[in-house]
Amino acid sequence: MPEKTFDEEPRLYNKLTIVIFSILLSTFFGGIIYSQNLIETGQKKHVTSVLLFCIVWNVIAFKLAHKYTDNFLLTFVLPNFIGSLLLIKPFWEHHFKDFNSFKSRNVWMPLIVVLIISVVLFVLKFYYS
């Protein structure tokens, strides 16, 4: 793919955003953010495989982690961190190797969506408790 000019650069979520959402929520949510980058670059056909990887990764990693320990860091944070590293290293190099530069996308929209979902779940839990 030829290099794009500044005005034609895609607007992508950066690697740090993907890592943070993956660690705090899960690799699946990091995969959703990553999938937005795929859509932005016209690679919609890869979205399903990335999200399937994230689901399979979460199931396998969490089951393995819970088999050996109940420690929160080892059962939740570590698998999500490793999953995020897989997204930002081999997956990123495969899907975005031709994009030498891009404009960073603002993280506010996914953050607002997560906050809305969290508030709704908190209210439902409080209301039905």
Protein backbone atom coordinates (compact mmCIF):
# COMPACT_ATOMS: atom_id res chain seq x y z
CA MET A 1 0.00 0.00 0.00
CA PRO A 2 1.47 3.38 -0.91
CA GLU A 3 2.24 5.86 1.82
CA LYS A 4 -0.62 8.23 2.48
CA THR A 5 -0.44 11.95 2.88
CA PHE A 6 -1.32 13.59 6.19
CA ASP A 7 -4.90 14.28 5.08
CA GLU A 8 -5.40 10.67 3.98
CA GLU A 9 -3.98 9.02 7.09
CA PRO A 10 -6.44 6.72 8.84
CA ARG A 11 -7.69 7.55 12.31
CA LEU A 12 -6.79 4.57 14.47
CA TYR A 13 -6.85 3.75 18.14
CA ASN A 14 -3.24 3.47 19.25
CA LYS A 15 -1.65 0.42 20.81
CA LEU A 16 -1.75 1.83 24.35
CA THR A 17 -5.52 2.30 24.13
CA ILE A 18 -5.94 -1.32 23.06
CA VAL A 19 -3.73 -2.52 25.94
CA ILE A 20 -5.55 -0.43 28.56
CA PHE A 21 -9.04 -1.52 27.45
CA SER A 22 -7.85 -5.13 27.27
CA ILE A 23 -6.39 -5.12 30.77
CA LEU A 24 -9.23 -3.23 32.47
CA LEU A 25 -12.14 -4.95 30.72
CA SER A 26 -10.95 -7.99 28.77
CA THR A 27 -9.09 -8.97 25.64
CA PHE A 28 -12.49 -9.10 23.90
CA PHE A 29 -13.07 -5.39 24.53
CA GLY A 30 -9.53 -4.65 23.35
CA GLY A 31 -10.42 -6.69 20.27
CA ILE A 32 -13.48 -4.50 19.68
CA ILE A 33 -11.26 -1.41 19.75
CA TYR A 34 -8.79 -3.18 17.45
CA SER A 35 -11.66 -4.11 15.12
CA GLN A 36 -12.58 -0.46 14.81
CA ASN A 37 -9.09 0.06 13.38
CA LEU A 38 -9.68 -2.76 10.89
CA ILE A 39 -12.94 -1.17 9.77
CA GLU A 40 -11.26 2.23 9.45
CA THR A 41 -8.61 0.75 7.15
CA GLY A 42 -11.10 -1.19 5.01
CA GLN A 43 -10.23 -4.62 6.41
CA LYS A 44 -13.73 -5.59 7.57
CA LYS A 45 -13.24 -9.22 6.55
CA HIS A 46 -10.72 -9.67 9.41
CA VAL A 47 -13.01 -8.39 12.18
CA THR A 48 -14.72 -11.73 12.75
CA SER A 49 -11.48 -13.67 13.04
CA VAL A 50 -9.98 -11.14 15.47
CA LEU A 51 -13.06 -11.19 17.70
CA LEU A 52 -13.22 -15.00 17.57
CA PHE A 53 -9.56 -15.13 18.61
CA CYS A 54 -10.32 -12.80 21.54
CA ILE A 55 -13.26 -14.92 22.71
CA VAL A 56 -11.30 -18.17 22.43
CA TRP A 57 -8.30 -16.56 24.12
CA ASN A 58 -10.42 -15.35 27.04
CA VAL A 59 -12.09 -18.72 27.55
CA ILE A 60 -8.88 -20.75 27.38
CA ALA A 61 -6.68 -18.32 29.33
CA PHE A 62 -9.24 -17.77 32.11
CA LYS A 63 -9.95 -21.50 32.49
CA LEU A 64 -6.25 -22.30 32.66
CA ALA A 65 -5.57 -19.49 35.10
CA HIS A 66 -8.47 -20.48 37.37
CA LYS A 67 -7.28 -24.08 37.31
CA TYR A 68 -4.04 -23.11 39.05
CA THR A 69 -4.87 -20.08 41.20
CA ASP A 70 -7.59 -17.77 42.51
CA ASN A 71 -5.31 -14.72 42.53
CA PHE A 72 -7.05 -11.86 40.68
CA LEU A 73 -3.86 -10.63 39.03
CA LEU A 74 -3.03 -14.08 37.70
CA THR A 75 -6.56 -15.04 36.65
CA PHE A 76 -7.77 -11.77 35.10
CA VAL A 77 -5.06 -9.17 34.59
CA LEU A 78 -2.26 -11.43 33.32
CA PRO A 79 -4.33 -13.24 30.64
CA ASN A 80 -5.76 -9.92 29.46
CA PHE A 81 -2.30 -8.35 29.37
CA ILE A 82 -0.90 -11.23 27.33
CA GLY A 83 -3.93 -11.09 25.02
CA SER A 84 -3.39 -7.37 24.51
CA LEU A 85 0.26 -7.99 23.65
CA LEU A 86 -0.85 -10.48 21.02
CA LEU A 87 -3.19 -7.87 19.55
CA ILE A 88 -0.63 -5.07 19.42
CA LYS A 89 2.33 -7.11 18.23
CA PRO A 90 1.69 -9.99 15.79
CA PHE A 91 -1.87 -8.98 14.86
CA TRP A 92 -0.91 -5.31 14.43
CA GLU A 93 2.13 -6.18 12.33
CA HIS A 94 -0.02 -8.40 10.12
CA HIS A 95 -2.94 -6.01 9.61
CA PHE A 96 -1.30 -2.59 9.77
CA LYS A 97 2.22 -3.18 8.46
CA ASP A 98 1.54 -0.89 5.48
CA PHE A 99 0.42 2.01 7.66
CA ASN A 100 3.62 3.75 8.69
CA SER A 101 1.72 6.64 10.21
CA PHE A 102 -1.81 7.37 11.33
CA LYS A 103 -3.79 9.91 13.29
CA SER A 104 -4.62 8.73 16.79
CA ARG A 105 -8.30 8.38 17.42
CA ASN A 106 -9.81 9.95 20.51
CA VAL A 107 -10.54 7.44 23.27
CA TRP A 108 -13.57 9.29 24.64
CA MET A 109 -16.29 7.43 22.71
CA PRO A 110 -15.31 3.90 23.86
CA LEU A 111 -14.76 5.25 27.37
CA ILE A 112 -18.23 6.81 27.43
CA VAL A 113 -19.79 3.56 26.19
CA VAL A 114 -18.01 1.58 28.92
CA LEU A 115 -19.08 4.10 31.57
CA ILE A 116 -22.72 3.99 30.42
CA ILE A 117 -22.74 0.19 30.49
CA SER A 118 -21.09 0.19 33.94
CA VAL A 119 -23.58 2.69 35.35
CA VAL A 120 -26.55 0.76 33.94
CA LEU A 121 -25.24 -2.51 35.42
CA PHE A 122 -24.54 -0.83 38.77
CA VAL A 123 -28.04 0.69 38.88
CA LEU A 124 -29.63 -2.65 37.95
CA LYS A 125 -27.64 -4.43 40.63
CA PHE A 126 -28.53 -1.77 43.21
CA TYR A 127 -32.20 -1.78 42.18
CA TYR A 128 -32.61 -5.55 42.23
CA SER A 129 -30.55 -6.19 45.38
